[in-house]
Amino acid sequence: PLYKTDINRDGVFNAQDVTKAGELMSDPNRVIRLPACPAPELLIVSPIEPIDIVPPLAINDLKLTGTYPNGQAGLNWRAPYEDNNDPTSGAVASYDLRYQIKSPITDSSWSRAVQVADKPAPRAPGTVEIYFLSNLIPGQTYYVAIKSQDSAGNISALSNNLLVTIPEPLIVEPIVS
């Protein structure tokens, strides 16, 4: 026998709702008639795509690799998995790297921080990502943080903050003899 627990208002249900002798019917194009319905009609069975609600794990190893008087700061971090810490989930879809002056970036200040336009494309999970943040002002101190997003649009929590100070260029006075 066929059992159905819920039919939507259009009279359509999905394959996960129907069992036959305890087994899931998996044919996405199967048309079946439910004789138990008060007004039996033909229904199209279609599979449900699983919904991804698991965000990537927050990047907690954002590091400064160097600062340069030309207004650059070298950064690195380890690429996270798409779904929390699940090694079968693959790479994240994108990064959102931001910076601001005066105070650390928090969840409440995230939207006001300057978003970096030329972010790197994510690589395989566990890979060390290397990025040079450019156009920073020598002598200025910045706070830098990052979030990642998976292919379903789930966004990670905020990373650790980096404190970055760009050095002033060295001015070398000529030696007069």
Protein backbone atom coordinates (compact mmCIF):
# COMPACT_ATOMS: atom_id res chain seq x y z
CA PRO A 1 0.00 0.00 0.00
CA LEU A 2 0.94 3.65 -0.41
CA TYR A 3 0.91 6.03 2.52
CA LYS A 4 0.90 9.79 2.33
CA THR A 5 1.02 12.10 5.29
CA ASP A 6 0.77 15.51 3.63
CA ILE A 7 -0.38 16.68 0.21
CA ASN A 8 0.15 20.33 -0.63
CA ARG A 9 -2.72 22.54 -1.79
CA ASP A 10 -1.86 21.79 -5.44
CA GLY A 11 -2.18 18.08 -4.75
CA VAL A 12 1.55 17.49 -5.27
CA PHE A 13 3.83 15.73 -2.83
CA ASN A 14 7.41 14.53 -2.99
CA ALA A 15 9.00 11.09 -3.12
CA GLN A 16 10.19 11.29 0.47
CA ASP A 17 6.57 11.41 1.59
CA VAL A 18 5.57 8.13 -0.01
CA THR A 19 6.61 4.62 1.01
CA LYS A 20 5.80 1.29 -0.55
CA ALA A 21 6.47 -1.72 1.65
CA GLY A 22 8.72 0.50 3.79
CA GLU A 23 10.96 1.61 0.89
CA LEU A 24 11.35 5.10 -0.51
CA MET A 25 10.08 5.55 -4.05
CA SER A 26 12.87 7.33 -5.84
CA ASP A 27 11.63 7.69 -9.42
CA PRO A 28 11.29 11.51 -9.81
CA ASN A 29 8.88 11.17 -12.76
CA ARG A 30 6.58 8.54 -11.29
CA VAL A 31 2.88 9.34 -11.48
CA ILE A 32 0.70 7.55 -8.98
CA ARG A 33 -2.95 7.48 -8.05
CA LEU A 34 -3.82 7.49 -4.38
CA PRO A 35 -7.03 5.49 -4.00
CA ALA A 36 -7.21 6.44 -0.33
CA CYS A 37 -7.72 10.12 -1.21
CA PRO A 38 -11.31 11.38 -0.97
CA ALA A 39 -10.96 12.74 -4.52
CA PRO A 40 -8.24 10.58 -6.15
CA GLU A 41 -6.24 12.39 -8.79
CA LEU A 42 -2.96 11.96 -10.56
CA LEU A 43 -0.05 13.34 -8.58
CA ILE A 44 3.50 13.95 -9.77
CA VAL A 45 6.16 12.77 -7.38
CA SER A 46 9.34 14.88 -7.32
CA PRO A 47 12.42 14.56 -5.12
CA ILE A 48 13.35 17.20 -2.57
CA GLU A 49 16.82 18.69 -2.69
CA PRO A 50 18.36 18.67 0.77
CA ILE A 51 18.56 22.16 2.25
CA ASP A 52 22.02 23.21 3.43
CA ILE A 53 21.73 25.20 6.65
CA VAL A 54 25.23 24.52 7.98
CA PRO A 55 27.59 27.52 7.72
CA PRO A 56 31.34 27.24 7.26
CA LEU A 57 33.41 27.18 10.42
CA ALA A 58 34.73 30.63 11.38
CA ILE A 59 38.30 31.31 10.27
CA ASN A 60 40.22 31.57 13.53
CA ASP A 61 43.79 31.63 12.23
CA LEU A 62 43.91 34.91 10.27
CA LYS A 63 47.57 35.99 10.51
CA LEU A 64 49.75 38.90 9.50
CA THR A 65 52.79 37.81 7.49
CA GLY A 66 54.27 41.26 6.93
CA THR A 67 53.65 44.97 6.45
CA TYR A 68 55.25 47.10 3.78
CA PRO A 69 55.78 50.86 3.41
CA ASN A 70 54.15 50.71 -0.04
CA GLY A 71 50.77 50.33 1.73
CA GLN A 72 50.49 46.54 1.69
CA ALA A 73 49.93 43.97 4.39
CA GLY A 74 50.49 40.26 3.82
CA LEU A 75 47.80 38.00 5.32
CA ASN A 76 47.21 34.28 5.47
CA TRP A 77 44.66 31.84 6.84
CA ARG A 78 43.71 28.20 6.37
CA ALA A 79 40.80 27.60 3.94
CA PRO A 80 37.74 26.23 5.80
CA TYR A 81 35.35 23.45 4.77
CA GLU A 82 32.02 24.47 3.27
CA ASP A 83 29.94 22.90 6.06
CA ASN A 84 31.42 23.56 9.48
CA ASN A 85 34.25 21.06 9.87
CA ASP A 86 32.89 18.33 7.56
CA PRO A 87 35.75 17.05 5.36
CA THR A 88 33.27 15.69 2.79
CA SER A 89 31.69 19.10 2.14
CA GLY A 90 34.37 20.70 -0.05
CA ALA A 91 35.57 24.29 -0.32
CA VAL A 92 33.69 27.46 0.59
CA ALA A 93 32.28 29.55 -2.27
CA SER A 94 33.70 32.97 -1.35
CA TYR A 95 35.44 35.18 1.19
CA ASP A 96 34.41 38.56 2.56
CA LEU A 97 37.49 40.40 3.85
CA ARG A 98 37.05 43.79 5.57
CA TYR A 99 39.06 46.39 7.47
CA GLN A 100 38.51 49.51 9.52
CA ILE A 101 40.45 51.95 11.70
CA LYS A 102 40.04 52.91 15.39
CA SER A 103 38.43 49.74 16.81
CA PRO A 104 38.23 45.98 16.25
CA ILE A 105 35.59 44.69 13.82
CA THR A 106 32.57 43.17 15.57
CA ASP A 107 29.33 41.67 14.29
CA SER A 108 27.64 45.04 14.84
CA SER A 109 30.35 47.03 13.03
CA TRP A 110 30.86 44.51 10.20
CA SER A 111 28.57 46.28 7.71
CA ARG A 112 30.41 49.59 8.23
CA ALA A 113 33.90 48.14 7.68
CA VAL A 114 35.53 48.64 4.26
CA GLN A 115 34.95 45.60 2.05
CA VAL A 116 37.95 44.44 0.00
CA ALA A 117 36.99 44.25 -3.67
CA ASP A 118 39.65 41.90 -5.05
CA LYS A 119 39.27 38.96 -2.67
CA PRO A 120 40.99 35.67 -3.50
CA ALA A 121 39.03 32.71 -4.85
CA PRO A 122 38.81 30.00 -2.18
CA ARG A 123 41.05 26.97 -2.59
CA ALA A 124 40.78 23.44 -1.21
CA PRO A 125 40.00 23.16 2.52
CA GLY A 126 43.12 23.10 4.65
CA THR A 127 45.14 25.03 2.06
CA VAL A 128 46.92 28.14 3.34
CA GLU A 129 45.40 31.15 1.60
CA ILE A 130 47.80 34.04 0.96
CA TYR A 131 46.57 37.56 0.27
CA PHE A 132 48.12 41.03 0.08
CA LEU A 133 45.83 43.80 1.28
CA SER A 134 46.70 46.93 -0.72
CA ASN A 135 46.16 50.70 -0.76
CA LEU A 136 46.64 51.11 2.99
CA ILE A 137 48.04 54.38 4.34
CA PRO A 138 51.56 54.25 5.83
CA GLY A 139 51.53 55.12 9.54
CA GLN A 140 47.86 54.12 9.89
CA THR A 141 46.65 51.21 12.08
CA TYR A 142 43.89 48.93 10.77
CA TYR A 143 41.75 46.09 12.12
CA VAL A 144 41.18 43.28 9.62
CA ALA A 145 38.68 40.37 9.75
CA ILE A 146 37.16 37.84 7.38
CA LYS A 147 34.03 35.70 6.91
CA SER A 148 33.42 32.91 4.41
CA GLN A 149 30.26 31.89 2.58
CA ASP A 150 29.23 28.47 1.27
CA SER A 151 27.42 27.69 -2.00
CA ALA A 152 24.02 27.76 -0.23
CA GLY A 153 24.62 31.31 1.05
CA ASN A 154 25.36 30.35 4.66
CA ILE A 155 27.87 32.77 6.20
CA SER A 156 30.45 31.88 8.82
CA ALA A 157 30.92 33.69 12.09
CA LEU A 158 33.45 36.52 12.25
CA SER A 159 37.14 35.57 12.28
CA ASN A 160 39.74 36.73 14.74
CA ASN A 161 40.76 40.41 14.29
CA LEU A 162 44.21 41.38 13.13
CA LEU A 163 45.84 44.60 14.21
CA VAL A 164 47.87 45.90 11.25
CA THR A 165 50.08 49.00 11.25
CA ILE A 166 51.62 50.02 7.95
CA PRO A 167 55.15 51.37 8.44
CA GLU A 168 56.20 54.80 7.29
CA PRO A 169 58.62 54.75 4.36
CA LEU A 170 62.27 55.08 5.38
CA ILE A 171 63.79 58.37 4.40
CA VAL A 172 67.49 58.10 3.89
CA GLU A 173 69.43 61.34 4.10
CA PRO A 174 72.41 61.53 1.81
CA ILE A 175 75.77 61.56 3.56
CA VAL A 176 77.65 64.80 2.95
CA SER A 177 81.39 64.54 3.33
